């Protein structure tokens, strides 16, 4: 099939963001700090943490990693977070999810100070974001918007369909798009005739974590396709999109891996830098 689609290269886009951040950090003479709290030994979580560490080190952000036993108690993790809230060398605090089931996730996330909640997972931070007054924008949402921007499409002039609205990725994207998109369709597992909604989309975003969920017949010709789903299939990390068959129908498409993921990590680090600069009465501009 003849096609003119372009790959939205998340690694290249993330590198440009990190280069701009590095200049900001150097000019400010500050040393931003990110603390990651993790309980357990989940290999996927450890891989994500390593990606965050590499990105932080690239732009001279201090990285503090607290790896706790999976049998840790909620009160001990909360006590650690409260200690990190007080530290002047820590500007961002994140708790790597998922947590072991016995832990009170809400209690732990709500312990993070608002001005350090760079993942935007506490109830207070989410509420401010949903009301259009965010301290920070959740990294998956700002990553999706950056990728849309790189495609040249404008959400304000587009029909956008979002498939999947889980707490970590889909929901923040939904919140941001509900404030920006001309028309927004949000679909989940209860949606009847999913393809009727996906085929209307100028911009189609999938964030489910189900291999080959999005097929060529579900995509409008010339659409921008943002694949924010990740899962393991036949030993590989894959997205939601049947890439080889779908890509030729699109104008722009993100690969998995190497699409949304690297940009999300860059946006997380951007929030940490913003926190450090805001703390010193300087404000970050990414443009």
Protein backbone atom coordinates (compact mmCIF):
# COMPACT_ATOMS: atom_id res chain seq x y z
CA UNK A 1 0.00 0.00 0.00
CA UNK A 2 1.34 3.43 -0.98
CA UNK A 3 1.63 5.59 2.10
CA UNK A 4 3.08 8.89 3.22
CA UNK A 5 2.79 8.53 6.97
CA UNK A 6 5.42 9.92 9.33
CA UNK A 7 6.69 8.45 12.56
CA UNK A 8 6.40 10.73 15.58
CA UNK A 9 9.78 9.87 17.07
CA UNK A 10 9.30 10.19 20.83
CA UNK A 11 13.00 9.76 21.57
CA UNK A 12 13.99 12.66 19.30
CA UNK A 13 11.19 14.89 20.65
CA UNK A 14 12.15 14.02 24.25
CA UNK A 15 15.81 14.83 23.51
CA UNK A 16 14.87 18.34 22.32
CA UNK A 17 12.85 18.90 25.51
CA UNK A 18 15.74 17.67 27.67
CA UNK A 19 18.20 19.90 25.80
CA UNK A 20 16.03 22.95 26.55
CA UNK A 21 15.69 21.88 30.19
CA UNK A 22 19.44 21.45 30.54
CA UNK A 23 19.97 25.05 29.40
CA UNK A 24 17.37 26.22 31.94
CA UNK A 25 19.08 24.31 34.74
CA UNK A 26 22.54 25.58 33.79
CA UNK A 27 21.34 29.18 33.51
CA UNK A 28 19.56 29.00 36.88
CA UNK A 29 22.61 27.57 38.70
CA UNK A 30 20.12 25.41 40.65
CA UNK A 31 20.31 21.66 41.25
CA UNK A 32 16.77 20.26 40.97
CA UNK A 33 16.12 16.98 42.81
CA UNK A 34 13.69 14.11 42.14
CA UNK A 35 12.92 11.42 44.73
CA UNK A 36 11.34 8.12 43.64
CA UNK A 37 9.74 5.88 46.26
CA UNK A 38 9.17 2.25 45.28
CA UNK A 39 7.99 -0.78 47.25
CA UNK A 40 8.60 -4.22 45.77
CA UNK A 41 10.64 -5.68 42.91
CA UNK A 42 8.39 -5.52 39.81
CA UNK A 43 10.78 -5.65 36.80
CA UNK A 44 8.63 -3.33 34.62
CA UNK A 45 8.52 -0.72 37.40
CA UNK A 46 12.28 -0.93 37.88
CA UNK A 47 12.75 -0.45 34.13
CA UNK A 48 10.57 2.71 34.20
CA UNK A 49 12.54 4.01 37.20
CA UNK A 50 15.83 3.50 35.37
CA UNK A 51 14.48 5.49 32.39
CA UNK A 52 13.61 8.36 34.77
CA UNK A 53 17.04 8.17 36.37
CA UNK A 54 18.81 8.34 33.00
CA UNK A 55 16.74 11.35 31.93
CA UNK A 56 17.37 13.13 35.24
CA UNK A 57 21.12 12.57 35.06
CA UNK A 58 21.23 13.85 31.48
CA UNK A 59 20.16 17.33 32.58
CA UNK A 60 21.88 17.36 35.98
CA UNK A 61 18.81 16.66 38.12
CA UNK A 62 19.71 14.84 41.34
CA UNK A 63 18.00 11.44 41.59
CA UNK A 64 17.17 9.89 44.95
CA UNK A 65 15.84 6.30 44.80
CA UNK A 66 14.17 4.71 47.81
CA UNK A 67 13.62 1.00 47.15
CA UNK A 68 11.57 -0.42 50.00
CA UNK A 69 10.65 -4.04 50.78
CA UNK A 70 7.31 -5.17 49.34
CA UNK A 71 6.14 -5.91 52.91
CA UNK A 72 6.59 -2.26 53.96
CA UNK A 73 3.74 -0.68 55.92
CA UNK A 74 1.71 2.29 54.72
CA UNK A 75 2.71 4.36 57.76
CA UNK A 76 6.43 3.86 57.06
CA UNK A 77 6.08 4.98 53.42
CA UNK A 78 4.01 8.00 54.50
CA UNK A 79 6.69 8.90 57.06
CA UNK A 80 9.37 8.76 54.34
CA UNK A 81 7.31 10.98 52.03
CA UNK A 82 6.74 13.50 54.82
CA UNK A 83 10.50 13.60 55.37
CA UNK A 84 11.08 14.18 51.62
CA UNK A 85 8.47 16.96 51.66
CA UNK A 86 10.69 18.85 54.11
CA UNK A 87 13.96 18.43 52.24
CA UNK A 88 15.27 21.48 50.39
CA UNK A 89 17.25 19.38 47.89
CA UNK A 90 14.13 17.45 46.75
CA UNK A 91 11.77 19.35 44.43
CA UNK A 92 9.70 16.45 43.11
CA UNK A 93 8.45 13.29 44.86
CA UNK A 94 6.89 10.38 42.99
CA UNK A 95 5.64 6.99 44.14
CA UNK A 96 6.20 4.37 41.45
CA UNK A 97 2.96 2.46 40.84
CA UNK A 98 1.63 -0.15 41.15
CA UNK A 99 2.07 -0.61 44.89
CA UNK A 100 1.67 -3.96 46.67
CA UNK A 101 -2.04 -4.62 47.29
CA UNK A 102 -1.87 -4.44 51.10
CA UNK A 103 -0.79 -0.78 51.00
CA UNK A 104 -3.26 2.15 51.16
CA UNK A 105 -2.43 3.80 47.83
CA UNK A 106 -4.64 6.84 48.37
CA UNK A 107 -3.16 7.55 51.80
CA UNK A 108 0.37 7.29 50.40
CA UNK A 109 -0.22 9.48 47.33
CA UNK A 110 -2.07 12.12 49.35
CA UNK A 111 0.98 12.45 51.62
CA UNK A 112 2.97 14.09 48.79
CA UNK A 113 3.19 17.89 49.19
CA UNK A 114 1.27 19.71 46.45
CA UNK A 115 4.32 21.71 45.33
CA UNK A 116 6.30 18.45 44.92
CA UNK A 117 3.57 16.27 43.34
CA UNK A 118 5.15 16.22 39.87
CA UNK A 119 3.16 13.12 38.82
CA UNK A 120 -0.14 14.82 39.83
CA UNK A 121 -1.53 11.78 41.67
CA UNK A 122 -2.74 13.25 44.97
CA UNK A 123 -6.45 14.13 45.23
CA UNK A 124 -5.67 17.83 45.72
CA UNK A 125 -3.35 18.03 42.69
CA UNK A 126 -5.84 16.14 40.47
CA UNK A 127 -8.70 18.42 41.54
CA UNK A 128 -6.74 21.58 40.70
CA UNK A 129 -5.82 20.06 37.31
CA UNK A 130 -9.42 19.09 36.58
CA UNK A 131 -10.55 22.63 37.46
CA UNK A 132 -8.05 24.11 35.01
CA UNK A 133 -5.74 25.50 37.71
CA UNK A 134 -2.93 22.92 37.78
CA UNK A 135 0.28 23.28 39.74
CA UNK A 136 1.65 20.74 37.24
CA UNK A 137 0.16 18.99 34.22
CA UNK A 138 0.35 15.16 34.49
CA UNK A 139 3.26 13.98 32.31
CA UNK A 140 1.20 11.56 30.13
CA UNK A 141 -1.24 14.38 29.28
CA UNK A 142 1.46 16.93 28.43
CA UNK A 143 3.27 14.23 26.41
CA UNK A 144 0.13 13.52 24.35
CA UNK A 145 -0.38 17.24 23.70
CA UNK A 146 3.28 17.68 22.70
CA UNK A 147 3.01 14.80 20.21
CA UNK A 148 -0.20 16.26 18.75
CA UNK A 149 1.56 19.63 18.44
CA UNK A 150 4.49 17.98 16.63
CA UNK A 151 2.06 16.52 14.08
CA UNK A 152 0.83 20.00 13.17
CA UNK A 153 -2.79 19.14 14.06
CA UNK A 154 -4.63 21.33 16.54
CA UNK A 155 -6.87 19.66 19.10
CA UNK A 156 -9.00 22.83 19.14
CA UNK A 157 -9.92 22.22 15.48
CA UNK A 158 -10.17 18.42 15.61
CA UNK A 159 -12.43 15.52 16.44
CA UNK A 160 -10.46 13.54 19.04
CA UNK A 161 -11.28 10.01 20.16
CA UNK A 162 -9.66 8.62 23.29
CA UNK A 163 -9.87 4.88 23.90
CA UNK A 164 -9.24 3.96 27.54
CA UNK A 165 -9.29 6.31 30.53
CA UNK A 166 -7.39 4.57 33.31
CA UNK A 167 -6.15 6.60 36.27
CA UNK A 168 -2.49 6.88 35.21
CA UNK A 169 -2.61 7.65 31.49
CA UNK A 170 -6.06 7.88 29.94
CA UNK A 171 -7.81 9.93 32.62
CA UNK A 172 -5.27 12.81 32.66
CA UNK A 173 -5.32 12.90 28.84
CA UNK A 174 -9.14 12.98 28.94
CA UNK A 175 -9.13 15.88 31.41
CA UNK A 176 -6.75 17.97 29.29
CA UNK A 177 -8.52 17.20 26.01
CA UNK A 178 -11.92 18.01 27.51
CA UNK A 179 -10.55 21.55 27.98
CA UNK A 180 -8.98 21.76 24.51
CA UNK A 181 -10.53 19.51 21.85
CA UNK A 182 -13.22 20.75 19.45
CA UNK A 183 -15.06 17.43 19.88
CA UNK A 184 -14.02 14.61 22.23
CA UNK A 185 -15.27 11.03 22.28
CA UNK A 186 -14.13 8.92 25.26
CA UNK A 187 -14.45 5.17 24.86
CA UNK A 188 -13.93 2.25 27.23
CA UNK A 189 -14.79 -1.44 27.42
CA UNK A 190 -18.52 -0.60 27.72
CA UNK A 191 -18.55 1.41 24.48
CA UNK A 192 -20.82 -0.14 21.86
CA UNK A 193 -19.54 -0.17 18.27
CA UNK A 194 -16.13 1.26 19.12
CA UNK A 195 -15.12 1.63 15.48
CA UNK A 196 -17.90 4.16 14.78
CA UNK A 197 -16.20 6.53 17.24
CA UNK A 198 -12.61 5.79 16.21
CA UNK A 199 -13.35 6.30 12.50
CA UNK A 200 -14.56 9.85 13.19
CA UNK A 201 -11.27 10.85 14.78
CA UNK A 202 -8.86 13.33 13.23
CA UNK A 203 -6.72 12.47 16.27
CA UNK A 204 -7.01 8.97 17.74
CA UNK A 205 -5.39 8.18 21.09
CA UNK A 206 -5.40 4.67 22.56
CA UNK A 207 -4.36 4.03 26.16
CA UNK A 208 -5.66 0.56 26.99
CA UNK A 209 -2.73 -1.85 27.06
CA UNK A 210 -4.26 -4.44 24.72
CA UNK A 211 -2.23 -5.64 21.71
CA UNK A 212 -3.79 -5.15 18.26
CA UNK A 213 -6.87 -3.43 19.71
CA UNK A 214 -6.79 -0.75 17.01
CA UNK A 215 -6.98 -2.21 13.50
CA UNK A 216 -6.79 -0.55 10.09
CA UNK A 217 -10.57 -0.65 9.55
CA UNK A 218 -11.04 1.46 12.71
CA UNK A 219 -8.90 4.39 11.55
CA UNK A 220 -9.86 7.36 9.40
CA UNK A 221 -7.49 7.98 6.47
CA UNK A 222 -4.99 10.70 7.36
CA UNK A 223 -5.61 10.57 11.11
CA UNK A 224 -2.93 11.28 13.70
CA UNK A 225 -2.53 8.20 15.89
CA UNK A 226 -1.06 8.41 19.39
CA UNK A 227 -0.46 4.94 20.86
CA UNK A 228 -0.23 5.35 24.65
CA UNK A 229 -0.88 1.70 25.47
CA UNK A 230 1.84 -0.71 26.52
CA UNK A 231 1.74 -4.44 27.14
CA UNK A 232 3.91 -7.49 26.61
CA UNK A 233 3.04 -9.65 23.61
CA UNK A 234 5.08 -12.63 22.36
CA UNK A 235 8.04 -11.46 24.43
CA UNK A 236 8.02 -7.86 23.17
CA UNK A 237 6.73 -4.53 24.51
CA UNK A 238 3.93 -3.46 22.16
CA UNK A 239 1.23 -0.82 21.97
CA UNK A 240 -2.50 -1.02 21.28
CA UNK A 241 -2.15 -0.51 17.53
CA UNK A 242 -1.63 -3.13 14.82
CA UNK A 243 1.19 -0.89 13.63
CA UNK A 244 2.20 -2.42 10.27
CA UNK A 245 -1.37 -2.42 8.95
CA UNK A 246 -2.58 0.80 10.57
CA UNK A 247 0.41 3.08 9.90
CA UNK A 248 -0.17 3.42 6.12
CA UNK A 249 -3.64 4.90 6.79
CA UNK A 250 -2.33 7.60 9.11
CA UNK A 251 -0.58 10.93 8.54
CA UNK A 252 1.42 10.59 11.78
CA UNK A 253 1.80 7.68 14.20
CA UNK A 254 3.77 6.99 17.37
CA UNK A 255 5.74 3.74 17.69
CA UNK A 256 5.84 1.56 20.82
CA UNK A 257 8.39 1.60 22.31
CA UNK A 258 9.91 4.98 21.49
CA UNK A 259 6.79 7.12 21.20
CA UNK A 260 4.74 8.38 24.14
CA UNK A 261 7.02 6.84 26.79
CA UNK A 262 10.19 8.94 26.32
CA UNK A 263 8.16 12.16 26.00
CA UNK A 264 6.28 11.33 29.21
CA UNK A 265 9.58 10.90 31.08
CA UNK A 266 10.87 14.21 29.65
CA UNK A 267 7.68 15.96 30.79
CA UNK A 268 8.07 14.50 34.28
CA UNK A 269 11.60 15.93 34.47
CA UNK A 270 10.21 19.24 33.12
CA UNK A 271 7.83 19.31 36.10
CA UNK A 272 10.76 18.73 38.49
CA UNK A 273 12.71 21.58 36.91
CA UNK A 274 9.62 23.79 37.03
CA UNK A 275 9.22 22.99 40.74
CA UNK A 276 12.83 23.93 41.45
CA UNK A 277 12.62 27.18 39.46
CA UNK A 278 9.23 28.10 40.92
CA UNK A 279 10.71 27.54 44.34
CA UNK A 280 13.35 30.15 43.53
CA UNK A 281 10.76 32.54 42.01
CA UNK A 282 11.83 31.70 38.46
CA UNK A 283 9.35 30.11 36.10
CA UNK A 284 10.05 27.59 33.40
CA UNK A 285 9.10 28.24 29.80
CA UNK A 286 9.46 25.27 27.49
CA UNK A 287 8.89 27.21 24.28
